[in-house]
Amino acid sequence: MSTARATLTLYGRAWCHLCDDMRAALEPLLAEFGATVEVIDIDTDPALEARYNELVPVLAFEGGELCRYRFEEGPVRAALTRRAASARG
């Protein structure tokens, strides 16, 4: 059984208002599930900039993309719920 907190990854840009919006919309779910988010500025890594460029923000979890451009609560909640259930046993 894993007790590690779930960590989502938000790929974005420092100047991106959609990235700020996604981060803010994510906060209640982070609190509800005791999860964290790692924010990665794609402009600091040429490979990430090439991969995501105009797709940001992109929210990923455990190797899969949950949403891009706009926050979608359903997929994020489902992923965190699955993770919590597997951590319980």
C-alpha atoms as a PDB file:
ATOM      1  CA  MET A   1       0.000   0.000   0.000  1.00  0.00           C
ATOM      2  CA  SER A   2       1.417   3.384  -1.026  1.00  0.00           C
ATOM      3  CA  THR A   3       1.102   6.342   1.331  1.00  0.00           C
ATOM      4  CA  ALA A   4       2.796   8.806  -1.009  1.00  0.00           C
ATOM      5  CA  ARG A   5       0.735  11.825  -1.949  1.00  0.00           C
ATOM      6  CA  ALA A   6      -0.541  11.980  -5.489  1.00  0.00           C
ATOM      7  CA  THR A   7       1.348  14.522  -7.586  1.00  0.00           C
ATOM      8  CA  LEU A   8      -0.086  15.963 -10.759  1.00  0.00           C
ATOM      9  CA  THR A   9       2.074  17.765 -13.303  1.00  0.00           C
ATOM     10  CA  LEU A  10       0.979  21.028 -14.876  1.00  0.00           C
ATOM     11  CA  TYR A  11       2.924  21.948 -18.013  1.00  0.00           C
ATOM     12  CA  GLY A  12       2.568  25.614 -18.817  1.00  0.00           C
ATOM     13  CA  ARG A  13       4.222  28.966 -19.255  1.00  0.00           C
ATOM     14  CA  ALA A  14       4.870  31.744 -16.772  1.00  0.00           C
ATOM     15  CA  TRP A  15       2.931  34.281 -18.862  1.00  0.00           C
ATOM     16  CA  CYS A  16      -0.045  31.998 -19.696  1.00  0.00           C
ATOM     17  CA  HIS A  17      -3.357  33.097 -18.181  1.00  0.00           C
ATOM     18  CA  LEU A  18      -4.985  29.752 -19.063  1.00  0.00           C
ATOM     19  CA  CYS A  19      -2.237  28.053 -17.039  1.00  0.00           C
ATOM     20  CA  ASP A  20      -3.032  30.312 -14.084  1.00  0.00           C
ATOM     21  CA  ASP A  21      -6.733  29.530 -14.482  1.00  0.00           C
ATOM     22  CA  MET A  22      -6.103  25.777 -14.532  1.00  0.00           C
ATOM     23  CA  ARG A  23      -3.916  25.968 -11.446  1.00  0.00           C
ATOM     24  CA  ALA A  24      -6.581  27.921  -9.557  1.00  0.00           C
ATOM     25  CA  ALA A  25      -9.373  25.544 -10.623  1.00  0.00           C
ATOM     26  CA  LEU A  26      -7.264  22.580  -9.520  1.00  0.00           C
ATOM     27  CA  GLU A  27      -6.717  23.846  -5.967  1.00  0.00           C
ATOM     28  CA  PRO A  28      -9.984  22.510  -4.433  1.00  0.00           C
ATOM     29  CA  LEU A  29      -9.289  18.984  -5.707  1.00  0.00           C
ATOM     30  CA  LEU A  30      -5.718  19.130  -4.445  1.00  0.00           C
ATOM     31  CA  ALA A  31      -7.042  20.005  -1.000  1.00  0.00           C
ATOM     32  CA  GLU A  32      -9.796  17.391  -1.124  1.00  0.00           C
ATOM     33  CA  PHE A  33      -7.448  14.543  -2.065  1.00  0.00           C
ATOM     34  CA  GLY A  34      -4.333  15.778  -0.257  1.00  0.00           C
ATOM     35  CA  ALA A  35      -2.571  15.897  -3.618  1.00  0.00           C
ATOM     36  CA  THR A  36       0.124  18.225  -4.896  1.00  0.00           C
ATOM     37  CA  VAL A  37       0.912  19.775  -8.242  1.00  0.00           C
ATOM     38  CA  GLU A  38       4.298  20.247  -9.841  1.00  0.00           C
ATOM     39  CA  VAL A  39       4.251  23.217 -12.196  1.00  0.00           C
ATOM     40  CA  ILE A  40       6.735  22.982 -15.052  1.00  0.00           C
ATOM     41  CA  ASP A  41       7.470  25.995 -17.240  1.00  0.00           C
ATOM     42  CA  ILE A  42       7.964  24.497 -20.695  1.00  0.00           C
ATOM     43  CA  ASP A  43       9.979  27.527 -21.791  1.00  0.00           C
ATOM     44  CA  THR A  44      12.863  26.331 -19.580  1.00  0.00           C
ATOM     45  CA  ASP A  45      13.271  23.082 -21.531  1.00  0.00           C
ATOM     46  CA  PRO A  46      13.553  23.012 -25.349  1.00  0.00           C
ATOM     47  CA  ALA A  47      12.219  19.443 -25.537  1.00  0.00           C
ATOM     48  CA  LEU A  48       9.116  20.314 -23.513  1.00  0.00           C
ATOM     49  CA  GLU A  49       8.626  23.518 -25.500  1.00  0.00           C
ATOM     50  CA  ALA A  50       8.757  21.517 -28.719  1.00  0.00           C
ATOM     51  CA  ARG A  51       6.353  18.908 -27.348  1.00  0.00           C
ATOM     52  CA  TYR A  52       3.715  21.177 -25.786  1.00  0.00           C
ATOM     53  CA  ASN A  53       4.239  24.631 -27.369  1.00  0.00           C
ATOM     54  CA  GLU A  54       0.682  25.883 -28.084  1.00  0.00           C
ATOM     55  CA  LEU A  55      -1.049  23.020 -26.221  1.00  0.00           C
ATOM     56  CA  VAL A  56      -0.556  24.481 -22.745  1.00  0.00           C
ATOM     57  CA  PRO A  57      -1.750  24.203 -20.161  1.00  0.00           C
ATOM     58  CA  VAL A  58      -1.539  20.430 -20.007  1.00  0.00           C
ATOM     59  CA  LEU A  59      -2.355  18.587 -16.803  1.00  0.00           C
ATOM     60  CA  ALA A  60      -0.824  15.122 -16.525  1.00  0.00           C
ATOM     61  CA  PHE A  61      -0.907  12.359 -13.943  1.00  0.00           C
ATOM     62  CA  GLU A  62       0.947   9.059 -13.766  1.00  0.00           C
ATOM     63  CA  GLY A  63       2.084   9.260 -17.372  1.00  0.00           C
ATOM     64  CA  GLY A  64      -1.257  10.234 -18.878  1.00  0.00           C
ATOM     65  CA  GLU A  65      -2.752  13.522 -19.969  1.00  0.00           C
ATOM     66  CA  LEU A  66      -5.912  14.489 -18.073  1.00  0.00           C
ATOM     67  CA  CYS A  67      -6.770  17.767 -19.768  1.00  0.00           C
ATOM     68  CA  ARG A  68      -5.356  20.571 -21.855  1.00  0.00           C
ATOM     69  CA  TYR A  69      -6.288  24.209 -22.458  1.00  0.00           C
ATOM     70  CA  ARG A  70      -9.071  24.191 -19.825  1.00  0.00           C
ATOM     71  CA  PHE A  71      -9.500  22.383 -16.513  1.00  0.00           C
ATOM     72  CA  GLU A  72     -11.882  19.424 -16.674  1.00  0.00           C
ATOM     73  CA  GLU A  73     -12.892  18.266 -13.206  1.00  0.00           C
ATOM     74  CA  GLY A  74     -14.285  14.869 -14.257  1.00  0.00           C
ATOM     75  CA  PRO A  75     -11.080  13.248 -15.524  1.00  0.00           C
ATOM     76  CA  VAL A  76      -9.008  14.752 -12.727  1.00  0.00           C
ATOM     77  CA  ARG A  77     -11.428  13.625 -10.012  1.00  0.00           C
ATOM     78  CA  ALA A  78     -11.616  10.129 -11.544  1.00  0.00           C
ATOM     79  CA  ALA A  79      -7.820   9.786 -11.633  1.00  0.00           C
ATOM     80  CA  LEU A  80      -7.393  10.982  -8.053  1.00  0.00           C
ATOM     81  CA  THR A  81     -10.223   8.734  -6.864  1.00  0.00           C
ATOM     82  CA  ARG A  82      -8.596   5.699  -8.524  1.00  0.00           C
ATOM     83  CA  ARG A  83      -5.262   6.601  -6.977  1.00  0.00           C
ATOM     84  CA  ALA A  84      -6.818   6.998  -3.516  1.00  0.00           C
ATOM     85  CA  ALA A  85      -8.625   3.659  -3.832  1.00  0.00           C
ATOM     86  CA  SER A  86      -5.457   1.829  -4.860  1.00  0.00           C
ATOM     87  CA  ALA A  87      -3.524   3.443  -1.997  1.00  0.00           C
ATOM     88  CA  ARG A  88      -6.113   2.141   0.485  1.00  0.00           C
ATOM     89  CA  GLY A  89      -5.588  -1.332  -0.568  1.00  0.00           C
END
